[in-house]
Amino acid sequence: MTQILSEEEINALMQGLEEGSIDLDTPRESEPKEEKKVTAFFFGQRTAIRVGAMPGLDMINEHLASQLSFKLSQKVGREVHVQPKSTTNQIFGRFLHSLDPPIFINVLRVEPSQAMSLISISGDVMYHILEGFFGGAGSSERPLRNFSPFEMKVIDRVMEVTREQIELAWKKLDSSFRLVMTRWENQPQFAAVVPLDETVFLITFGVEVGDTEGTLTICYPSVILELFKQQLKVGFQRDQVEGVTAWMDSMYHQLGMVSLRVSPVVSRETMRVQDMLRLKVGDVMTLSRDISSEMPVEVEGLVKYHGLAGVVDGKRVLRITRLEEEES
């Protein structure tokens, strides 16, 4: 409520104006006003999660990149190098606008949240993977056309490996985590699975196939990060990552399939060069070792075992009698 001046206050005010004790000039500011910065805020947009403070997420991405490099190279018969590139928040509409067709996009449902996510991979990278899969040199340029139905079947097999490795990496946070394939698209405008103004979570990997470079991007809605925020902030030990054990098991299996040259050595003899040059068919060499005695067995030129030669069921065989003692 506005206060009304009394008669005495009005008289005192008029007297002050006549005497000049009241300054009517605009008061000067003793100090300049500090400029205030204004930040735009959209009420319909969810607050972005700060992804830089999540060590568990970095570990998942590193593990996933190593597993994808190994599994994709094994699948397509050509060296594929995958490396973590960036982890950011972005408006979903901007993300779709940044995708240049033709591009391969997997539309997935994330269980148990039922949220929708995307996996996109550059068309050039996928074309060179296909060319290597079919035995090409991988040096031809990407044709300006969409993938054929037959090529899509091969691509789906490649993407199945990708989905499987993503699933295994995130299962360390929640064993119920699962990616369910719903459809694929090669035009970004048809892959709008969340509102265009919603903030999404992007994990981008650099992919190299021969001389071709591209990107593989996993797009999650913000609700996925909300579900696993605590686990991702706390992180976990590297030896808990399932892929480390899986990678070692796979490496041991692959090494176990390598062929090695195994050579039983009956005897080792020396002779002069002039005697060796005179050798002819029918000559007899005297051995210093009895053929029935124990002989060393070399594996790629290194003595690893000792054994006795014999015959079993009409076949020449060698029975291992002992292992070569390693020098301490």
Protein backbone atom coordinates (compact mmCIF):
# COMPACT_ATOMS: atom_id res chain seq x y z
CA MET A 1 0.00 0.00 0.00
CA THR A 2 1.39 3.42 -1.05
CA GLN A 3 2.24 5.79 1.87
CA ILE A 4 0.93 9.41 1.56
CA LEU A 5 3.26 12.24 2.63
CA SER A 6 2.15 14.43 5.51
CA GLU A 7 1.90 18.24 5.29
CA GLU A 8 5.13 18.67 7.28
CA GLU A 9 7.03 16.30 4.93
CA ILE A 10 5.76 18.14 1.86
CA ASN A 11 6.87 21.50 3.30
CA ALA A 12 10.32 20.10 4.15
CA LEU A 13 10.67 18.76 0.61
CA MET A 14 9.75 22.08 -1.00
CA GLN A 15 12.17 23.96 1.28
CA GLY A 16 14.97 21.56 0.33
CA LEU A 17 14.33 22.20 -3.37
CA GLU A 18 14.42 25.98 -2.88
CA GLU A 19 17.63 25.88 -0.87
CA GLY A 20 19.27 23.45 -3.34
CA SER A 21 20.06 20.83 -0.74
CA ILE A 22 18.32 18.19 -2.84
CA ASP A 23 20.20 17.30 -6.09
CA LEU A 24 17.81 16.56 -8.94
CA ASP A 25 20.59 15.56 -11.37
CA THR A 26 20.84 11.88 -12.38
CA PRO A 27 23.12 10.16 -9.86
CA ARG A 28 26.37 8.92 -11.28
CA GLU A 29 27.26 5.29 -10.72
CA SER A 30 30.42 4.93 -8.68
CA GLU A 31 31.14 1.51 -10.16
CA PRO A 32 30.18 0.10 -13.55
CA LYS A 33 27.45 -2.49 -13.49
CA GLU A 34 28.62 -6.06 -13.99
CA GLU A 35 27.28 -7.62 -17.19
CA LYS A 36 25.17 -10.66 -16.54
CA LYS A 37 25.29 -13.60 -18.92
CA VAL A 38 22.00 -15.15 -19.94
CA THR A 39 21.78 -18.83 -20.80
CA ALA A 40 18.89 -20.11 -22.92
CA PHE A 41 16.85 -22.86 -21.30
CA PHE A 42 14.34 -25.13 -23.04
CA PHE A 43 11.71 -26.44 -20.65
CA GLY A 44 10.85 -29.34 -22.97
CA GLN A 45 14.43 -30.58 -23.04
CA ARG A 46 15.91 -32.94 -20.47
CA THR A 47 19.06 -31.93 -18.66
CA ALA A 48 22.12 -33.44 -20.34
CA ILE A 49 24.14 -35.84 -18.26
CA ARG A 50 27.80 -34.95 -17.86
CA VAL A 51 29.49 -37.90 -19.55
CA GLY A 52 33.04 -36.86 -18.67
CA ALA A 53 32.72 -38.07 -15.08
CA MET A 54 31.98 -41.71 -15.86
CA PRO A 55 35.13 -43.90 -15.74
CA GLY A 56 33.07 -47.06 -16.19
CA LEU A 57 31.86 -45.78 -19.56
CA ASP A 58 35.41 -45.23 -20.80
CA MET A 59 36.33 -48.78 -19.83
CA ILE A 60 33.31 -50.19 -21.66
CA ASN A 61 34.20 -48.22 -24.80
CA GLU A 62 37.85 -49.36 -24.77
CA HIS A 63 36.84 -52.97 -24.28
CA LEU A 64 34.18 -52.74 -26.98
CA ALA A 65 36.62 -51.21 -29.49
CA SER A 66 39.18 -54.00 -28.97
CA GLN A 67 36.53 -56.70 -29.25
CA LEU A 68 35.00 -55.19 -32.40
CA SER A 69 38.45 -54.91 -34.03
CA PHE A 70 39.12 -58.59 -33.38
CA LYS A 71 35.65 -59.98 -34.14
CA LEU A 72 35.01 -57.93 -37.30
CA SER A 73 38.46 -58.73 -38.71
CA GLN A 74 37.77 -62.39 -38.06
CA LYS A 75 34.32 -62.16 -39.65
CA VAL A 76 35.20 -60.37 -42.89
CA GLY A 77 38.73 -61.74 -43.41
CA ARG A 78 40.28 -58.27 -43.52
CA GLU A 79 41.90 -56.12 -40.87
CA VAL A 80 39.33 -53.80 -39.28
CA HIS A 81 40.61 -51.30 -36.72
CA VAL A 82 38.09 -49.75 -34.29
CA GLN A 83 39.05 -47.02 -31.82
CA PRO A 84 36.98 -44.89 -29.37
CA LYS A 85 36.57 -41.38 -30.74
CA SER A 86 34.13 -39.32 -28.65
CA THR A 87 31.29 -39.51 -26.13
CA THR A 88 28.86 -36.59 -26.26
CA ASN A 89 25.31 -35.35 -25.69
CA GLN A 90 23.41 -33.91 -28.62
CA ILE A 91 19.91 -32.98 -29.75
CA PHE A 92 18.52 -35.96 -31.66
CA GLY A 93 17.43 -33.82 -34.62
CA ARG A 94 20.97 -32.45 -35.03
CA PHE A 95 22.38 -35.96 -34.90
CA LEU A 96 20.10 -37.17 -37.70
CA HIS A 97 20.93 -34.07 -39.75
CA SER A 98 24.67 -34.84 -39.42
CA LEU A 99 24.27 -38.31 -41.00
CA ASP A 100 25.08 -38.27 -44.71
CA PRO A 101 23.23 -40.90 -46.77
CA PRO A 102 23.79 -43.53 -47.94
CA ILE A 103 24.41 -44.88 -44.47
CA PHE A 104 23.50 -48.10 -42.70
CA ILE A 105 21.35 -47.62 -39.58
CA ASN A 106 20.20 -50.37 -37.21
CA VAL A 107 17.08 -49.49 -35.20
CA LEU A 108 17.14 -51.39 -31.90
CA ARG A 109 15.06 -51.79 -28.78
CA VAL A 110 16.99 -51.70 -25.51
CA GLU A 111 15.66 -54.16 -22.97
CA PRO A 112 14.53 -54.02 -20.22
CA SER A 113 13.91 -50.26 -20.63
CA GLN A 114 12.03 -50.65 -23.97
CA ALA A 115 13.76 -47.45 -25.17
CA MET A 116 14.82 -47.22 -28.81
CA SER A 117 18.43 -46.76 -29.92
CA LEU A 118 20.41 -46.59 -33.16
CA ILE A 119 23.67 -47.99 -34.50
CA SER A 120 24.93 -46.18 -37.61
CA ILE A 121 27.98 -47.00 -39.71
CA SER A 122 29.37 -45.10 -42.69
CA GLY A 123 28.36 -46.41 -46.10
CA ASP A 124 31.96 -46.24 -47.41
CA VAL A 125 33.23 -48.39 -44.54
CA MET A 126 30.47 -50.94 -45.01
CA TYR A 127 31.08 -51.10 -48.76
CA HIS A 128 34.79 -51.87 -48.27
CA ILE A 129 33.91 -54.50 -45.66
CA LEU A 130 31.60 -56.09 -48.25
CA GLU A 131 34.26 -55.90 -50.95
CA GLY A 132 36.75 -57.67 -48.70
CA PHE A 133 34.12 -60.24 -47.72
CA PHE A 134 33.63 -61.16 -51.38
CA GLY A 135 37.38 -61.31 -52.10
CA GLY A 136 37.91 -57.88 -53.64
CA ALA A 137 41.03 -55.77 -53.29
CA GLY A 138 39.21 -53.06 -51.35
CA SER A 139 40.63 -50.25 -53.53
CA SER A 140 37.62 -49.43 -55.73
CA GLU A 141 35.42 -46.40 -55.12
CA ARG A 142 32.06 -46.65 -53.40
CA PRO A 143 29.30 -46.81 -56.07
CA LEU A 144 26.49 -44.24 -55.77
CA ARG A 145 23.70 -46.73 -55.08
CA ASN A 146 21.93 -48.36 -52.18
CA PHE A 147 22.88 -51.81 -50.96
CA SER A 148 21.26 -54.74 -52.75
CA PRO A 149 19.09 -57.28 -50.86
CA PHE A 150 21.89 -59.85 -51.06
CA GLU A 151 24.43 -57.34 -49.72
CA MET A 152 22.01 -56.50 -46.92
CA LYS A 153 22.02 -60.13 -45.78
CA VAL A 154 25.81 -60.03 -45.48
CA ILE A 155 25.67 -56.63 -43.74
CA ASP A 156 23.18 -57.99 -41.25
CA ARG A 157 25.62 -60.76 -40.35
CA VAL A 158 28.34 -58.16 -39.77
CA MET A 159 25.99 -55.99 -37.68
CA GLU A 160 24.90 -59.04 -35.70
CA VAL A 161 28.50 -59.38 -34.49
CA THR A 162 28.50 -55.66 -33.59
CA ARG A 163 25.24 -55.91 -31.66
CA GLU A 164 26.48 -58.99 -29.83
CA GLN A 165 29.69 -57.27 -28.68
CA ILE A 166 27.82 -54.15 -27.52
CA GLU A 167 25.46 -56.37 -25.56
CA LEU A 168 28.31 -58.26 -23.89
CA ALA A 169 30.07 -55.03 -22.94
CA TRP A 170 27.00 -53.50 -21.29
CA LYS A 171 25.93 -56.72 -19.59
CA LYS A 172 28.68 -56.03 -17.03
CA LEU A 173 26.39 -53.28 -15.71
CA ASP A 174 23.14 -55.24 -15.92
CA SER A 175 22.81 -58.87 -16.92
CA SER A 176 19.33 -58.16 -18.34
CA PHE A 177 20.70 -55.63 -20.88
CA ARG A 178 19.75 -56.73 -24.39
CA LEU A 179 19.61 -55.19 -27.86
CA VAL A 180 16.72 -56.38 -30.02
CA MET A 181 16.88 -55.66 -33.75
CA THR A 182 13.63 -54.13 -35.05
CA ARG A 183 14.56 -52.85 -38.53
CA TRP A 184 17.27 -51.18 -40.59
CA GLU A 185 17.26 -47.92 -42.54
CA ASN A 186 19.60 -46.26 -45.02
CA GLN A 187 17.92 -42.82 -44.94
CA PRO A 188 18.29 -40.82 -41.69
CA GLN A 189 14.85 -39.18 -41.91
CA PHE A 190 13.20 -42.58 -41.48
CA ALA A 191 15.14 -43.37 -38.28
CA ALA A 192 13.46 -40.81 -36.00
CA VAL A 193 12.72 -43.13 -33.08
CA VAL A 194 12.71 -40.40 -30.38
CA PRO A 195 11.48 -36.76 -30.43
CA LEU A 196 13.77 -34.55 -32.48
CA ASP A 197 14.23 -32.07 -29.62
CA GLU A 198 15.23 -34.72 -27.08
CA THR A 199 18.82 -35.01 -25.86
CA VAL A 200 20.51 -38.27 -26.83
CA PHE A 201 23.76 -39.87 -25.81
CA LEU A 202 26.27 -40.59 -28.63
CA ILE A 203 29.24 -42.97 -28.51
CA THR A 204 31.35 -42.59 -31.65
CA PHE A 205 34.11 -44.97 -32.80
CA GLY A 206 36.56 -44.43 -35.61
CA VAL A 207 36.65 -47.37 -38.05
CA GLU A 208 39.49 -48.09 -40.48
CA VAL A 209 39.25 -50.72 -43.21
CA GLY A 210 42.38 -50.61 -45.34
CA ASP A 211 42.73 -47.00 -46.54
CA THR A 212 39.07 -46.20 -45.84
CA GLU A 213 38.09 -44.34 -42.69
CA GLY A 214 34.63 -43.82 -41.26
CA THR A 215 32.61 -43.84 -38.07
CA LEU A 216 30.41 -46.18 -36.11
CA THR A 217 28.01 -44.37 -33.77
CA ILE A 218 25.81 -45.79 -31.03
CA CYS A 219 22.89 -43.48 -30.17
CA TYR A 220 21.17 -44.05 -26.80
CA PRO A 221 18.29 -42.00 -25.35
CA SER A 222 19.12 -40.20 -22.11
CA VAL A 223 17.02 -42.65 -20.09
CA ILE A 224 19.67 -45.36 -20.69
CA LEU A 225 22.34 -43.26 -19.02
CA GLU A 226 19.98 -42.48 -16.17
CA LEU A 227 19.45 -46.20 -15.55
CA PHE A 228 23.18 -46.99 -15.32
CA LYS A 229 24.46 -43.63 -14.03
CA GLN A 230 25.61 -44.92 -10.66
CA GLN A 231 27.43 -47.96 -12.07
CA LEU A 232 29.12 -45.86 -14.75
CA LYS A 233 30.31 -43.29 -12.19
CA VAL A 234 31.70 -45.90 -9.81
CA GLY A 235 33.31 -47.96 -12.57
CA PHE A 236 34.63 -51.49 -12.15
CA GLN A 237 37.91 -53.40 -12.22
CA ARG A 238 39.39 -54.19 -15.60
CA ASP A 239 39.62 -57.87 -14.77
CA GLN A 240 35.84 -57.84 -14.34
CA VAL A 241 35.30 -56.96 -17.96
CA GLU A 242 34.04 -60.09 -19.64
CA GLY A 243 35.73 -59.25 -22.91
CA VAL A 244 39.22 -59.55 -21.42
CA THR A 245 38.69 -63.21 -20.57
CA ALA A 246 36.79 -63.81 -23.80
CA TRP A 247 39.56 -62.22 -25.83
CA MET A 248 42.23 -64.33 -24.12
CA ASP A 249 40.20 -67.52 -24.61
CA SER A 250 39.69 -66.70 -28.27
CA MET A 251 43.41 -65.92 -28.72
CA TYR A 252 44.39 -69.23 -27.08
CA HIS A 253 41.97 -71.06 -29.36
CA GLN A 254 43.37 -69.39 -32.49
CA LEU A 255 46.95 -70.08 -31.43
CA GLY A 256 46.02 -73.70 -30.75
CA MET A 257 45.01 -74.09 -34.41
CA VAL A 258 48.41 -72.95 -35.78
CA SER A 259 50.38 -75.70 -37.59
CA LEU A 260 53.94 -76.38 -36.39
CA ARG A 261 56.72 -78.45 -37.94
CA VAL A 262 57.68 -81.35 -35.64
CA SER A 263 60.97 -83.11 -36.56
CA PRO A 264 62.34 -86.23 -34.77
CA VAL A 265 66.16 -86.13 -35.15
CA VAL A 266 67.65 -89.62 -35.61
CA SER A 267 71.26 -88.39 -35.59
CA ARG A 268 73.42 -85.36 -36.30
CA GLU A 269 76.69 -85.90 -38.18
CA THR A 270 79.49 -83.69 -39.48
CA MET A 271 81.62 -84.11 -42.58
CA ARG A 272 84.05 -82.11 -44.62
CA VAL A 273 82.82 -80.16 -47.63
CA GLN A 274 84.96 -82.18 -50.04
CA ASP A 275 83.46 -85.42 -48.72
CA MET A 276 79.94 -84.02 -49.05
CA LEU A 277 80.61 -82.99 -52.65
CA ARG A 278 81.69 -86.58 -53.50
CA LEU A 279 78.43 -88.13 -52.20
CA LYS A 280 76.45 -90.07 -54.78
CA VAL A 281 73.46 -92.38 -54.85
CA GLY A 282 74.24 -95.65 -53.05
CA ASP A 283 76.84 -94.24 -50.64
CA VAL A 284 76.41 -95.21 -46.98
CA MET A 285 76.73 -92.77 -44.07
CA THR A 286 77.68 -94.07 -40.65
CA LEU A 287 75.46 -92.80 -37.83
CA SER A 288 76.82 -92.14 -34.35
CA ARG A 289 73.45 -92.84 -32.70
CA ASP A 290 71.60 -96.17 -32.46
CA ILE A 291 68.26 -95.80 -34.27
CA SER A 292 66.56 -97.69 -31.46
CA SER A 293 67.81 -95.28 -28.79
CA GLU A 294 66.02 -92.19 -27.50
CA MET A 295 66.10 -89.29 -29.95
CA PRO A 296 65.33 -85.56 -29.60
CA VAL A 297 62.14 -84.11 -31.13
CA GLU A 298 62.36 -80.56 -32.47
CA VAL A 299 59.41 -78.16 -32.77
CA GLU A 300 60.21 -75.41 -35.30
CA GLY A 301 63.93 -76.04 -34.72
CA LEU A 302 63.81 -76.12 -30.91
CA VAL A 303 64.17 -79.37 -28.93
CA LYS A 304 60.99 -79.78 -26.86
CA TYR A 305 60.64 -83.57 -26.36
CA HIS A 306 62.50 -86.88 -26.49
CA GLY A 307 61.10 -90.14 -27.81
CA LEU A 308 61.58 -93.65 -29.19
CA ALA A 309 60.81 -94.67 -32.76
CA GLY A 310 58.83 -97.81 -33.45
CA VAL A 311 56.07 -99.48 -35.48
CA VAL A 312 52.42 -99.82 -34.42
CA ASP A 313 49.82 -101.51 -36.67
CA GLY A 314 52.21 -101.27 -39.60
CA LYS A 315 52.74 -97.52 -39.14
CA ARG A 316 55.98 -95.80 -38.13
CA VAL A 317 55.39 -93.95 -34.88
CA LEU A 318 57.28 -92.05 -32.19
CA ARG A 319 56.49 -92.42 -28.50
CA ILE A 320 57.28 -89.40 -26.31
CA THR A 321 59.37 -90.55 -23.34
CA ARG A 322 60.18 -87.24 -21.64
CA LEU A 323 60.08 -83.46 -22.01
CA GLU A 324 63.13 -81.36 -22.65
CA GLU A 325 64.29 -79.77 -19.41
CA GLU A 326 64.28 -75.99 -19.63
CA GLU A 327 67.46 -74.19 -18.64
CA SER A 328 66.98 -72.19 -15.44
